[in-house]
Amino acid sequence: MSPNLEDKVDQMLQAMLDYDLVVVDDCLQELFGGASPLASKSDLYDLIIRITSKLHADLLQMNENLYEILGWDQAHSSVLFQFETMQDIVSWLRRRFFELSELLYLKKQRQKRKLIDNITGYVEERLNGKVTLNEVAAHFNFTPNYLGQLFKQETGTLFSDYLIQLRMKRACELLLDPSLKIYEIAERIGYKNIIYFNRQFKETMQMSPGDYRKKHRV
């Protein structure tokens, strides 16, 4: 496979993962562009095999299987010989690659959602300790910068803001228990400095923890 063709397939695969169908189509046009009625179906078939084999090999590195995703077996390849023009074949490939792009993108989104759920679950279980972006990123084998960007992208909230909101929500729940002192509540949600806890609670809830407790006294 020529370096140019390999680079183009790499570009097309990335576009599939990003669900950028315009770039997928552009790559197909560049890979197959310029031909009219086919001079040699065999040469074209060989080119398609090289492209799909490269895609399949790259996807295997991601624990994906091109043929399983598309339900594509040898019988599907024979359909290529029914077409008369390059345009017909490219149109068929375009439909299949658009389908592949959609399936890969949806799976990628589900994986991201699952990762975010795992992260939030991990944080909730350790709320009484010193939870930081660095510590969470290390646990999930990501850099803090990547995890912070991913969290913001998927939730619309900065990790630091999410952590504050979660702690304040837990604090509000604990304040309903009159047997708990405010400093005990602060410690239970990871605050060692009671003054800092009071200040952050007031900034978030627009009232002090004591006033919140009085307002919601049963």
N, C-alpha and C. Protein backbone atom coordinates (compact mmCIF):
# COMPACT_ATOMS: atom_id res chain seq x y z
N MET A 1 0.86 -1.19 0.00
CA MET A 1 0.00 0.00 0.00
C MET A 1 0.89 1.24 0.00
N SER A 2 0.63 2.16 -0.93
CA SER A 2 1.46 3.34 -1.04
C SER A 2 1.25 4.23 0.18
N PRO A 3 2.30 5.02 0.54
CA PRO A 3 2.16 5.91 1.70
C PRO A 3 0.98 6.86 1.56
N ASN A 4 0.73 7.36 0.35
CA ASN A 4 -0.36 8.30 0.14
C ASN A 4 -1.71 7.63 0.40
N LEU A 5 -1.85 6.41 -0.11
CA LEU A 5 -3.10 5.68 0.09
C LEU A 5 -3.29 5.33 1.57
N GLU A 6 -2.21 4.93 2.21
CA GLU A 6 -2.29 4.59 3.63
C GLU A 6 -2.69 5.80 4.47
N ASP A 7 -2.08 6.95 4.15
CA ASP A 7 -2.42 8.18 4.88
C ASP A 7 -3.88 8.56 4.67
N LYS A 8 -4.36 8.36 3.43
CA LYS A 8 -5.74 8.73 3.12
C LYS A 8 -6.72 7.83 3.85
N VAL A 9 -6.39 6.54 3.96
CA VAL A 9 -7.25 5.62 4.71
C VAL A 9 -7.24 5.98 6.19
N ASP A 10 -6.07 6.36 6.71
CA ASP A 10 -5.99 6.81 8.10
C ASP A 10 -6.88 8.02 8.34
N GLN A 11 -6.83 8.95 7.39
CA GLN A 11 -7.66 10.16 7.50
C GLN A 11 -9.15 9.80 7.44
N MET A 12 -9.49 8.88 6.58
CA MET A 12 -10.89 8.47 6.44
C MET A 12 -11.39 7.78 7.71
N LEU A 13 -10.55 6.94 8.31
CA LEU A 13 -10.95 6.26 9.53
C LEU A 13 -11.17 7.27 10.66
N GLN A 14 -10.28 8.24 10.78
CA GLN A 14 -10.46 9.26 11.82
C GLN A 14 -11.76 10.02 11.60
N ALA A 15 -12.06 10.31 10.33
CA ALA A 15 -13.31 11.00 10.02
C ALA A 15 -14.51 10.13 10.40
N MET A 16 -14.40 8.81 10.18
CA MET A 16 -15.47 7.90 10.59
C MET A 16 -15.68 7.95 12.09
N LEU A 17 -14.58 7.93 12.84
CA LEU A 17 -14.68 7.96 14.30
C LEU A 17 -15.29 9.27 14.79
N ASP A 18 -15.04 10.35 14.04
CA ASP A 18 -15.58 11.66 14.40
C ASP A 18 -16.98 11.89 13.81
N TYR A 19 -17.45 10.93 13.05
CA TYR A 19 -18.75 11.02 12.35
C TYR A 19 -18.79 12.25 11.43
N ASP A 20 -17.66 12.47 10.74
CA ASP A 20 -17.56 13.57 9.78
C ASP A 20 -17.74 12.98 8.39
N LEU A 21 -18.99 12.90 7.95
CA LEU A 21 -19.30 12.22 6.69
C LEU A 21 -18.78 12.98 5.47
N VAL A 22 -18.64 14.28 5.60
CA VAL A 22 -18.11 15.08 4.48
C VAL A 22 -16.67 14.66 4.18
N VAL A 23 -15.86 14.53 5.23
CA VAL A 23 -14.46 14.13 5.05
C VAL A 23 -14.39 12.68 4.56
N VAL A 24 -15.26 11.82 5.08
CA VAL A 24 -15.29 10.43 4.60
C VAL A 24 -15.52 10.42 3.09
N ASP A 25 -16.48 11.19 2.63
CA ASP A 25 -16.79 11.26 1.20
C ASP A 25 -15.64 11.85 0.41
N ASP A 26 -15.01 12.89 0.96
CA ASP A 26 -13.86 13.51 0.27
C ASP A 26 -12.74 12.48 0.10
N CYS A 27 -12.49 11.69 1.11
CA CYS A 27 -11.43 10.67 1.04
C CYS A 27 -11.76 9.63 -0.02
N LEU A 28 -13.01 9.22 -0.07
CA LEU A 28 -13.43 8.24 -1.08
C LEU A 28 -13.23 8.80 -2.48
N GLN A 29 -13.59 10.06 -2.67
CA GLN A 29 -13.45 10.68 -3.98
C GLN A 29 -11.98 10.76 -4.39
N GLU A 30 -11.11 11.04 -3.43
CA GLU A 30 -9.68 11.12 -3.74
C GLU A 30 -9.09 9.74 -4.01
N LEU A 31 -9.58 8.73 -3.28
CA LEU A 31 -9.07 7.38 -3.48
C LEU A 31 -9.50 6.80 -4.83
N PHE A 32 -10.71 7.14 -5.25
CA PHE A 32 -11.26 6.54 -6.46
C PHE A 32 -11.52 7.55 -7.56
N GLY A 33 -11.21 8.80 -7.32
CA GLY A 33 -11.60 9.85 -8.25
C GLY A 33 -10.92 9.77 -9.60
N GLY A 34 -11.60 10.33 -10.58
CA GLY A 34 -11.00 10.51 -11.89
C GLY A 34 -11.32 9.46 -12.91
N ALA A 35 -11.89 8.34 -12.51
CA ALA A 35 -12.13 7.28 -13.49
C ALA A 35 -13.55 7.33 -14.02
N SER A 36 -13.73 6.90 -15.26
CA SER A 36 -15.04 6.76 -15.86
C SER A 36 -15.42 5.28 -15.85
N PRO A 37 -16.13 4.75 -16.90
CA PRO A 37 -16.42 3.32 -16.87
C PRO A 37 -15.16 2.50 -16.63
N LEU A 38 -15.30 1.48 -15.86
CA LEU A 38 -14.14 0.75 -15.38
C LEU A 38 -13.37 0.05 -16.50
N ALA A 39 -12.06 0.26 -16.49
CA ALA A 39 -11.22 -0.44 -17.45
C ALA A 39 -10.91 -1.84 -16.94
N SER A 40 -10.76 -1.96 -15.64
CA SER A 40 -10.42 -3.26 -15.05
C SER A 40 -11.09 -3.39 -13.70
N LYS A 41 -12.12 -4.23 -13.65
CA LYS A 41 -12.80 -4.46 -12.37
C LYS A 41 -11.87 -5.15 -11.39
N SER A 42 -10.97 -5.97 -11.91
CA SER A 42 -10.05 -6.68 -11.04
C SER A 42 -9.13 -5.72 -10.30
N ASP A 43 -8.63 -4.69 -11.01
CA ASP A 43 -7.76 -3.71 -10.37
C ASP A 43 -8.53 -2.93 -9.30
N LEU A 44 -9.76 -2.58 -9.63
CA LEU A 44 -10.57 -1.84 -8.68
C LEU A 44 -10.87 -2.70 -7.44
N TYR A 45 -11.19 -3.96 -7.69
CA TYR A 45 -11.48 -4.88 -6.59
C TYR A 45 -10.26 -5.00 -5.68
N ASP A 46 -9.07 -5.09 -6.28
CA ASP A 46 -7.84 -5.18 -5.50
C ASP A 46 -7.65 -3.92 -4.63
N LEU A 47 -7.98 -2.76 -5.20
CA LEU A 47 -7.85 -1.50 -4.46
C LEU A 47 -8.80 -1.49 -3.26
N ILE A 48 -10.02 -1.94 -3.47
CA ILE A 48 -11.00 -1.98 -2.38
C ILE A 48 -10.56 -2.94 -1.28
N ILE A 49 -10.01 -4.07 -1.69
CA ILE A 49 -9.51 -5.03 -0.71
C ILE A 49 -8.39 -4.41 0.12
N ARG A 50 -7.49 -3.67 -0.54
CA ARG A 50 -6.39 -3.02 0.19
C ARG A 50 -6.93 -2.00 1.19
N ILE A 51 -7.94 -1.25 0.77
CA ILE A 51 -8.52 -0.23 1.65
C ILE A 51 -9.23 -0.87 2.83
N THR A 52 -10.09 -1.84 2.56
CA THR A 52 -10.84 -2.47 3.64
C THR A 52 -9.93 -3.28 4.57
N SER A 53 -8.88 -3.87 4.01
CA SER A 53 -7.94 -4.60 4.85
C SER A 53 -7.20 -3.67 5.80
N LYS A 54 -6.83 -2.49 5.28
CA LYS A 54 -6.17 -1.48 6.12
C LYS A 54 -7.13 -1.00 7.21
N LEU A 55 -8.37 -0.72 6.84
CA LEU A 55 -9.37 -0.30 7.82
C LEU A 55 -9.57 -1.37 8.89
N HIS A 56 -9.67 -2.61 8.43
CA HIS A 56 -9.90 -3.72 9.34
C HIS A 56 -8.73 -3.86 10.32
N ALA A 57 -7.50 -3.76 9.80
CA ALA A 57 -6.32 -3.89 10.66
C ALA A 57 -6.26 -2.77 11.69
N ASP A 58 -6.58 -1.55 11.26
CA ASP A 58 -6.56 -0.41 12.19
C ASP A 58 -7.65 -0.56 13.26
N LEU A 59 -8.81 -1.02 12.84
CA LEU A 59 -9.91 -1.19 13.79
C LEU A 59 -9.61 -2.30 14.80
N LEU A 60 -8.89 -3.32 14.35
CA LEU A 60 -8.51 -4.39 15.28
C LEU A 60 -7.64 -3.86 16.41
N GLN A 61 -6.83 -2.84 16.11
CA GLN A 61 -6.01 -2.21 17.14
C GLN A 61 -6.87 -1.51 18.19
N MET A 62 -8.12 -1.21 17.81
CA MET A 62 -9.07 -0.57 18.73
C MET A 62 -10.06 -1.59 19.29
N ASN A 63 -9.74 -2.87 19.08
CA ASN A 63 -10.63 -3.96 19.52
C ASN A 63 -11.98 -3.91 18.81
N GLU A 64 -11.96 -3.48 17.56
CA GLU A 64 -13.16 -3.46 16.73
C GLU A 64 -12.92 -4.36 15.52
N ASN A 65 -14.00 -4.83 14.92
CA ASN A 65 -13.90 -5.71 13.76
C ASN A 65 -14.78 -5.17 12.65
N LEU A 66 -14.15 -4.72 11.58
CA LEU A 66 -14.88 -4.11 10.47
C LEU A 66 -15.98 -5.02 9.95
N TYR A 67 -15.65 -6.28 9.73
CA TYR A 67 -16.59 -7.20 9.11
C TYR A 67 -17.74 -7.55 10.04
N GLU A 68 -17.44 -7.65 11.33
CA GLU A 68 -18.51 -7.94 12.29
C GLU A 68 -19.43 -6.74 12.46
N ILE A 69 -18.86 -5.54 12.50
CA ILE A 69 -19.67 -4.33 12.67
C ILE A 69 -20.67 -4.18 11.53
N LEU A 70 -20.19 -4.42 10.31
CA LEU A 70 -21.04 -4.24 9.13
C LEU A 70 -21.80 -5.52 8.75
N GLY A 71 -21.50 -6.62 9.45
CA GLY A 71 -22.10 -7.88 9.04
C GLY A 71 -21.69 -8.22 7.61
N TRP A 72 -20.42 -7.98 7.32
CA TRP A 72 -19.90 -8.05 5.96
C TRP A 72 -19.10 -9.35 5.80
N ASP A 73 -19.52 -10.21 4.87
CA ASP A 73 -18.78 -11.44 4.60
C ASP A 73 -18.36 -11.45 3.13
N GLN A 74 -17.81 -12.55 2.70
CA GLN A 74 -17.31 -12.64 1.32
C GLN A 74 -18.42 -12.42 0.30
N ALA A 75 -19.62 -12.77 0.66
CA ALA A 75 -20.74 -12.60 -0.28
C ALA A 75 -20.96 -11.14 -0.62
N HIS A 76 -20.69 -10.27 0.34
CA HIS A 76 -20.87 -8.85 0.10
C HIS A 76 -19.86 -8.33 -0.91
N SER A 77 -18.68 -8.91 -0.92
CA SER A 77 -17.65 -8.43 -1.85
C SER A 77 -18.03 -8.72 -3.29
N SER A 78 -18.73 -9.79 -3.55
CA SER A 78 -19.09 -10.15 -4.92
C SER A 78 -20.03 -9.15 -5.55
N VAL A 79 -20.74 -8.38 -4.73
CA VAL A 79 -21.68 -7.41 -5.28
C VAL A 79 -20.94 -6.34 -6.09
N LEU A 80 -19.66 -6.13 -5.77
CA LEU A 80 -18.88 -5.11 -6.48
C LEU A 80 -18.81 -5.39 -7.98
N PHE A 81 -18.78 -6.66 -8.35
CA PHE A 81 -18.64 -7.01 -9.76
C PHE A 81 -19.92 -6.80 -10.55
N GLN A 82 -21.01 -6.42 -9.87
CA GLN A 82 -22.26 -6.16 -10.57
C GLN A 82 -22.33 -4.73 -11.10
N PHE A 83 -21.42 -3.88 -10.61
CA PHE A 83 -21.47 -2.48 -10.99
C PHE A 83 -20.70 -2.24 -12.29
N GLU A 84 -21.17 -1.26 -13.05
CA GLU A 84 -20.57 -0.96 -14.35
C GLU A 84 -19.62 0.22 -14.29
N THR A 85 -19.83 1.13 -13.36
CA THR A 85 -19.02 2.36 -13.34
C THR A 85 -18.39 2.56 -11.97
N MET A 86 -17.34 3.37 -11.98
CA MET A 86 -16.68 3.75 -10.73
C MET A 86 -17.67 4.44 -9.81
N GLN A 87 -18.53 5.26 -10.37
CA GLN A 87 -19.51 6.01 -9.57
C GLN A 87 -20.44 5.07 -8.81
N ASP A 88 -20.86 3.99 -9.46
CA ASP A 88 -21.75 3.03 -8.81
C ASP A 88 -21.05 2.39 -7.60
N ILE A 89 -19.78 2.02 -7.80
CA ILE A 89 -19.04 1.35 -6.74
C ILE A 89 -18.78 2.32 -5.58
N VAL A 90 -18.40 3.54 -5.90
CA VAL A 90 -18.15 4.53 -4.86
C VAL A 90 -19.43 4.82 -4.08
N SER A 91 -20.55 4.85 -4.78
CA SER A 91 -21.83 5.08 -4.10
C SER A 91 -22.15 3.95 -3.12
N TRP A 92 -21.86 2.72 -3.55
CA TRP A 92 -22.10 1.57 -2.67
C TRP A 92 -21.17 1.63 -1.45
N LEU A 93 -19.89 1.92 -1.71
CA LEU A 93 -18.93 2.02 -0.61
C LEU A 93 -19.30 3.17 0.33
N ARG A 94 -19.75 4.27 -0.26
CA ARG A 94 -20.12 5.43 0.56
C ARG A 94 -21.22 5.05 1.54
N ARG A 95 -22.23 4.35 1.08
CA ARG A 95 -23.33 3.94 1.96
C ARG A 95 -22.81 3.05 3.09
N ARG A 96 -21.94 2.09 2.74
CA ARG A 96 -21.42 1.19 3.75
C ARG A 96 -20.50 1.89 4.75
N PHE A 97 -19.66 2.81 4.24
CA PHE A 97 -18.73 3.52 5.13
C PHE A 97 -19.46 4.55 5.99
N PHE A 98 -20.53 5.14 5.45
CA PHE A 98 -21.35 6.04 6.27
C PHE A 98 -22.01 5.23 7.40
N GLU A 99 -22.46 4.03 7.06
CA GLU A 99 -23.06 3.15 8.07
C GLU A 99 -22.03 2.80 9.13
N LEU A 100 -20.81 2.47 8.67
CA LEU A 100 -19.73 2.14 9.60
C LEU A 100 -19.42 3.32 10.51
N SER A 101 -19.37 4.52 9.94
CA SER A 101 -19.08 5.72 10.71
C SER A 101 -20.13 5.93 11.80
N GLU A 102 -21.39 5.77 11.44
CA GLU A 102 -22.46 5.96 12.42
C GLU A 102 -22.36 4.95 13.56
N LEU A 103 -22.11 3.69 13.21
CA LEU A 103 -22.02 2.64 14.22
C LEU A 103 -20.82 2.85 15.15
N LEU A 104 -19.68 3.23 14.56
CA LEU A 104 -18.49 3.49 15.38
C LEU A 104 -18.70 4.69 16.29
N TYR A 105 -19.32 5.73 15.75
CA TYR A 105 -19.55 6.95 16.54
C TYR A 105 -20.49 6.67 17.71
N LEU A 106 -21.58 5.96 17.44
CA LEU A 106 -22.53 5.65 18.50
C LEU A 106 -21.89 4.79 19.59
N LYS A 107 -21.06 3.84 19.16
CA LYS A 107 -20.39 3.00 20.14
C LYS A 107 -19.40 3.81 20.96
N LYS A 108 -18.70 4.72 20.30
CA LYS A 108 -17.74 5.59 20.98
C LYS A 108 -18.45 6.46 22.01
N GLN A 109 -19.64 6.98 21.65
CA GLN A 109 -20.39 7.81 22.57
C GLN A 109 -20.87 7.01 23.77
N ARG A 110 -21.30 5.77 23.54
CA ARG A 110 -21.73 4.92 24.65
C ARG A 110 -20.56 4.62 25.59
N GLN A 111 -19.39 4.41 25.01
CA GLN A 111 -18.20 4.14 25.83
C GLN A 111 -17.83 5.36 26.66
N LYS A 112 -17.94 6.54 26.06
CA LYS A 112 -17.64 7.76 26.80
C LYS A 112 -18.63 7.94 27.95
N ARG A 113 -19.91 7.68 27.66
CA ARG A 113 -20.93 7.83 28.69
C ARG A 113 -20.68 6.86 29.84
N LYS A 114 -20.29 5.64 29.49
CA LYS A 114 -19.99 4.66 30.53
C LYS A 114 -18.79 5.10 31.36
N LEU A 115 -17.78 5.67 30.70
CA LEU A 115 -16.60 6.15 31.41
C LEU A 115 -16.98 7.27 32.37
N ILE A 116 -17.80 8.21 31.92
CA ILE A 116 -18.23 9.30 32.78
C ILE A 116 -19.02 8.77 33.97
N ASP A 117 -19.88 7.78 33.73
CA ASP A 117 -20.63 7.17 34.83
C ASP A 117 -19.69 6.51 35.83
N ASN A 118 -18.65 5.85 35.33
CA ASN A 118 -17.67 5.22 36.22
C ASN A 118 -16.92 6.26 37.04
N ILE A 119 -16.58 7.38 36.39
CA ILE A 119 -15.86 8.45 37.08
C ILE A 119 -16.72 9.07 38.17
N THR A 120 -17.97 9.39 37.84
CA THR A 120 -18.84 10.01 38.85
C THR A 120 -19.11 9.05 40.01
N GLY A 121 -19.24 7.76 39.70
CA GLY A 121 -19.43 6.77 40.75
C GLY A 121 -18.21 6.69 41.66
N TYR A 122 -17.03 6.74 41.03
CA TYR A 122 -15.78 6.69 41.79
C TYR A 122 -15.68 7.90 42.72
N VAL A 123 -16.02 9.07 42.21
CA VAL A 123 -15.94 10.29 43.02
C VAL A 123 -16.93 10.25 44.18
N GLU A 124 -18.16 9.81 43.90
CA GLU A 124 -19.18 9.77 44.95
C GLU A 124 -18.78 8.84 46.09
N GLU A 125 -18.12 7.74 45.76
CA GLU A 125 -17.70 6.79 46.80
C GLU A 125 -16.58 7.34 47.67
N ARG A 126 -15.84 8.34 47.15
CA ARG A 126 -14.68 8.85 47.87
C ARG A 126 -14.84 10.31 48.26
N LEU A 127 -16.06 10.73 48.39
CA LEU A 127 -16.33 12.15 48.63
C LEU A 127 -15.80 12.62 49.98
N ASN A 128 -15.65 11.71 50.92
CA ASN A 128 -15.17 12.11 52.25
C ASN A 128 -13.65 12.25 52.29
N GLY A 129 -12.99 11.92 51.20
CA GLY A 129 -11.54 12.05 51.13
C GLY A 129 -11.13 13.21 50.26
N LYS A 130 -9.85 13.28 49.97
CA LYS A 130 -9.33 14.36 49.12
C LYS A 130 -9.42 13.92 47.66
N VAL A 131 -10.53 14.23 47.04
CA VAL A 131 -10.74 13.88 45.64
C VAL A 131 -10.27 15.04 44.77
N THR A 132 -9.36 14.76 43.84
CA THR A 132 -8.88 15.79 42.91
C THR A 132 -8.92 15.24 41.49
N LEU A 133 -8.86 16.14 40.53
CA LEU A 133 -8.82 15.73 39.13
C LEU A 133 -7.58 14.89 38.87
N ASN A 134 -6.45 15.28 39.43
CA ASN A 134 -5.20 14.53 39.23
C ASN A 134 -5.34 13.10 39.73
N GLU A 135 -5.92 12.94 40.92
CA GLU A 135 -6.05 11.61 41.51
C GLU A 135 -7.00 10.74 40.69
N VAL A 136 -8.13 11.33 40.26
CA VAL A 136 -9.10 10.58 39.47
C VAL A 136 -8.51 10.21 38.11
N ALA A 137 -7.81 11.15 37.49
CA ALA A 137 -7.19 10.89 36.19
C ALA A 137 -6.17 9.75 36.30
N ALA A 138 -5.37 9.75 37.36
CA ALA A 138 -4.38 8.70 37.55
C ALA A 138 -5.06 7.35 37.72
N HIS A 139 -6.18 7.33 38.45
CA HIS A 139 -6.89 6.06 38.68
C HIS A 139 -7.39 5.47 37.36
N PHE A 140 -7.85 6.35 36.45
CA PHE A 140 -8.39 5.87 35.19
C PHE A 140 -7.37 5.89 34.05
N ASN A 141 -6.09 6.12 34.40
CA ASN A 141 -4.99 6.08 33.43
C ASN A 141 -5.12 7.13 32.32
N PHE A 142 -5.53 8.34 32.70
CA PHE A 142 -5.59 9.46 31.77
C PHE A 142 -4.74 10.59 32.31
N THR A 143 -4.39 11.53 31.44
CA THR A 143 -3.77 12.75 31.93
C THR A 143 -4.88 13.64 32.49
N PRO A 144 -4.57 14.47 33.49
CA PRO A 144 -5.60 15.37 34.03
C PRO A 144 -6.21 16.27 32.96
N ASN A 145 -5.37 16.75 32.04
CA ASN A 145 -5.86 17.64 31.00
C ASN A 145 -6.88 16.94 30.10
N TYR A 146 -6.56 15.71 29.68
CA TYR A 146 -7.49 14.97 28.82
C TYR A 146 -8.79 14.68 29.55
N LEU A 147 -8.68 14.20 30.79
CA LEU A 147 -9.88 13.84 31.53
C LEU A 147 -10.74 15.06 31.80
N GLY A 148 -10.09 16.18 32.12
CA GLY A 148 -10.84 17.42 32.35
C GLY A 148 -11.60 17.85 31.11
N GLN A 149 -10.95 17.77 29.95
CA GLN A 149 -11.61 18.15 28.70
C GLN A 149 -12.75 17.20 28.36
N LEU A 150 -12.51 15.89 28.54
CA LEU A 150 -13.54 14.90 28.26
C LEU A 150 -14.74 15.10 29.17
N PHE A 151 -14.49 15.33 30.45
CA PHE A 151 -15.58 15.52 31.41
C PHE A 151 -16.42 16.74 31.04
N LYS A 152 -15.75 17.83 30.70
CA LYS A 152 -16.47 19.06 30.30
C LYS A 152 -17.26 18.83 29.02
N GLN A 153 -16.66 18.12 28.07
CA GLN A 153 -17.33 17.85 26.80
C GLN A 153 -18.57 17.01 26.99
N GLU A 154 -18.49 16.01 27.85
CA GLU A 154 -19.60 15.06 28.00
C GLU A 154 -20.67 15.53 28.97
N THR A 155 -20.31 16.35 29.95
CA THR A 155 -21.28 16.76 30.96
C THR A 155 -21.67 18.23 30.86
N GLY A 156 -20.84 19.03 30.16
CA GLY A 156 -21.11 20.47 30.09
C GLY A 156 -20.67 21.19 31.36
N THR A 157 -19.98 20.48 32.26
CA THR A 157 -19.58 21.05 33.55
C THR A 157 -18.10 20.78 33.79
N LEU A 158 -17.40 21.77 34.32
CA LEU A 158 -16.01 21.55 34.72
C LEU A 158 -15.97 20.54 35.86
N PHE A 159 -14.92 19.73 35.89
CA PHE A 159 -14.81 18.73 36.95
C PHE A 159 -14.83 19.39 38.32
N SER A 160 -14.12 20.50 38.47
CA SER A 160 -14.07 21.19 39.76
C SER A 160 -15.46 21.68 40.18
N ASP A 161 -16.24 22.19 39.22
CA ASP A 161 -17.60 22.65 39.53
C ASP A 161 -18.49 21.47 39.90
N TYR A 162 -18.34 20.36 39.18
CA TYR A 162 -19.12 19.16 39.49
C TYR A 162 -18.82 18.69 40.91
N LEU A 163 -17.55 18.71 41.28
CA LEU A 163 -17.16 18.24 42.61
C LEU A 163 -17.77 19.12 43.71
N ILE A 164 -17.76 20.42 43.48
CA ILE A 164 -18.36 21.34 44.45
C ILE A 164 -19.86 21.10 44.56
N GLN A 165 -20.52 20.99 43.40
CA GLN A 165 -21.96 20.76 43.40
C GLN A 165 -22.32 19.47 44.12
N LEU A 166 -21.53 18.42 43.89
CA LEU A 166 -21.79 17.14 44.52
C LEU A 166 -21.62 17.24 46.04
N ARG A 167 -20.58 17.93 46.46
CA ARG A 167 -20.33 18.08 47.89
C ARG A 167 -21.42 18.93 48.57
N MET A 168 -21.84 19.96 47.88
CA MET A 168 -22.88 20.80 48.46
C MET A 168 -24.22 20.05 48.54
N LYS A 169 -24.48 19.25 47.53
CA LYS A 169 -25.71 18.44 47.56
C LYS A 169 -25.68 17.47 48.74
N ARG A 170 -24.53 16.83 48.96
CA ARG A 170 -24.40 15.90 50.06
C ARG A 170 -24.48 16.65 51.40
N ALA A 171 -23.89 17.84 51.45
CA ALA A 171 -23.94 18.64 52.67
C ALA A 171 -25.39 18.98 53.03
N CYS A 172 -26.17 19.35 52.02
CA CYS A 172 -27.58 19.69 52.26
C CYS A 172 -28.34 18.49 52.83
N GLU A 173 -28.04 17.32 52.32
CA GLU A 173 -28.69 16.11 52.83
C GLU A 173 -28.32 15.86 54.29
N LEU A 174 -27.02 16.02 54.60
CA LEU A 174 -26.55 15.75 55.96
C LEU A 174 -27.04 16.81 56.95
N LEU A 175 -27.23 18.03 56.48
CA LEU A 175 -27.70 19.09 57.36
C LEU A 175 -29.12 18.83 57.87
N LEU A 176 -29.84 17.96 57.23
CA LEU A 176 -31.19 17.62 57.69
C LEU A 176 -31.15 16.73 58.93
N ASP A 177 -29.97 16.19 59.23
CA ASP A 177 -29.80 15.36 60.42
C ASP A 177 -29.31 16.24 61.57
N PRO A 178 -30.16 16.57 62.51
CA PRO A 178 -29.78 17.51 63.58
C PRO A 178 -28.72 16.95 64.53
N SER A 179 -28.50 15.65 64.47
CA SER A 179 -27.51 15.06 65.37
C SER A 179 -26.08 15.30 64.90
N LEU A 180 -25.93 15.72 63.66
CA LEU A 180 -24.60 15.95 63.10
C LEU A 180 -24.20 17.41 63.27
N LYS A 181 -23.00 17.63 63.79
CA LYS A 181 -22.47 18.99 63.88
C LYS A 181 -21.94 19.40 62.51
N ILE A 182 -21.92 20.70 62.27
CA ILE A 182 -21.53 21.21 60.96
C ILE A 182 -20.10 20.83 60.62
N TYR A 183 -19.20 20.85 61.60
CA TYR A 183 -17.82 20.47 61.30
C TYR A 183 -17.72 18.99 60.94
N GLU A 184 -18.60 18.16 61.51
CA GLU A 184 -18.63 16.74 61.16
C GLU A 184 -19.11 16.55 59.72
N ILE A 185 -20.09 17.34 59.34
CA ILE A 185 -20.60 17.28 57.96
C ILE A 185 -19.50 17.70 56.98
N ALA A 186 -18.78 18.76 57.32
CA ALA A 186 -17.69 19.22 56.46
C ALA A 186 -16.66 18.12 56.27
N GLU A 187 -16.31 17.45 57.35
CA GLU A 187 -15.31 16.37 57.26
C GLU A 187 -15.82 15.21 56.43
N ARG A 188 -17.12 14.92 56.54
CA ARG A 188 -17.68 13.79 55.80
C ARG A 188 -17.67 14.00 54.29
N ILE A 189 -17.61 15.25 53.85
CA ILE A 189 -17.61 15.50 52.41
C ILE A 189 -16.25 16.03 51.94
N GLY A 190 -15.22 15.80 52.76
CA GLY A 190 -13.86 16.06 52.30
C GLY A 190 -13.27 17.41 52.64
N TYR A 191 -13.93 18.20 53.52
CA TYR A 191 -13.39 19.50 53.91
C TYR A 191 -12.72 19.39 55.27
N LYS A 192 -11.45 19.72 55.34
CA LYS A 192 -10.73 19.73 56.61
C LYS A 192 -10.78 21.11 57.25
N ASN A 193 -11.07 22.12 56.44
CA ASN A 193 -11.13 23.50 56.93
C ASN A 193 -12.59 23.94 57.00
N ILE A 194 -13.12 24.08 58.21
CA ILE A 194 -14.52 24.42 58.40
C ILE A 194 -14.85 25.81 57.85
N ILE A 195 -13.89 26.72 57.94
CA ILE A 195 -14.12 28.08 57.42
C ILE A 195 -14.29 28.05 55.91
N TYR A 196 -13.43 27.29 55.24
CA TYR A 196 -13.52 27.17 53.79
C TYR A 196 -14.83 26.51 53.39
N PHE A 197 -15.23 25.50 54.14
CA PHE A 197 -16.51 24.83 53.85
C PHE A 197 -17.67 25.82 53.98
N ASN A 198 -17.69 26.58 55.07
CA ASN A 198 -18.76 27.54 55.27
C ASN A 198 -18.82 28.56 54.14
N ARG A 199 -17.64 29.04 53.73
CA ARG A 199 -17.58 30.05 52.67
C ARG A 199 -18.09 29.46 51.35
N GLN A 200 -17.65 28.24 51.02
CA GLN A 200 -18.07 27.65 49.76
C GLN A 200 -19.56 27.30 49.77
N PHE A 201 -20.04 26.84 50.91
CA PHE A 201 -21.47 26.53 51.02
C PHE A 201 -22.30 27.79 50.80
N LYS A 202 -21.90 28.88 51.42
CA LYS A 202 -22.65 30.13 51.29
C LYS A 202 -22.61 30.66 49.86
N GLU A 203 -21.45 30.54 49.20
CA GLU A 203 -21.35 30.98 47.81
C GLU A 203 -22.28 30.17 46.91
N THR A 204 -22.41 28.89 47.22
CA THR A 204 -23.22 28.00 46.38
C THR A 204 -24.70 28.10 46.69
N MET A 205 -25.05 28.10 47.98
CA MET A 205 -26.45 28.03 48.39
C MET A 205 -27.04 29.38 48.78
N GLN A 206 -26.22 30.42 48.76
CA GLN A 206 -26.66 31.77 49.11
C GLN A 206 -27.13 31.88 50.56
N MET A 207 -26.65 30.99 51.41
CA MET A 207 -26.92 31.05 52.85
C MET A 207 -25.90 30.18 53.55
N SER A 208 -25.72 30.40 54.82
CA SER A 208 -24.76 29.61 55.58
C SER A 208 -25.33 28.23 55.88
N PRO A 209 -24.47 27.27 56.23
CA PRO A 209 -24.97 25.94 56.60
C PRO A 209 -25.96 26.01 57.77
N GLY A 210 -25.68 26.88 58.75
CA GLY A 210 -26.58 27.02 59.90
C GLY A 210 -27.93 27.53 59.48
N ASP A 211 -27.95 28.55 58.59
CA ASP A 211 -29.23 29.09 58.12
C ASP A 211 -29.99 28.05 57.30
N TYR A 212 -29.25 27.27 56.50
CA TYR A 212 -29.90 26.21 55.71
C TYR A 212 -30.57 25.21 56.64
N ARG A 213 -29.87 24.85 57.69
CA ARG A 213 -30.43 23.88 58.65
C ARG A 213 -31.69 24.44 59.32
N LYS A 214 -31.65 25.71 59.71
CA LYS A 214 -32.83 26.33 60.33
C LYS A 214 -34.01 26.39 59.36
N LYS A 215 -33.71 26.72 58.11
CA LYS A 215 -34.77 26.87 57.12
C LYS A 215 -35.44 25.55 56.82
N HIS A 216 -34.68 24.45 56.87
CA HIS A 216 -35.21 23.14 56.50
C HIS A 216 -35.43 22.24 57.71
N ARG A 217 -35.52 22.87 58.87
CA ARG A 217 -35.74 22.09 60.08
C ARG A 217 -37.11 21.43 60.00
N VAL A 218 -37.15 20.13 60.32
CA VAL A 218 -38.42 19.37 60.27
C VAL A 218 -39.23 19.66 61.51
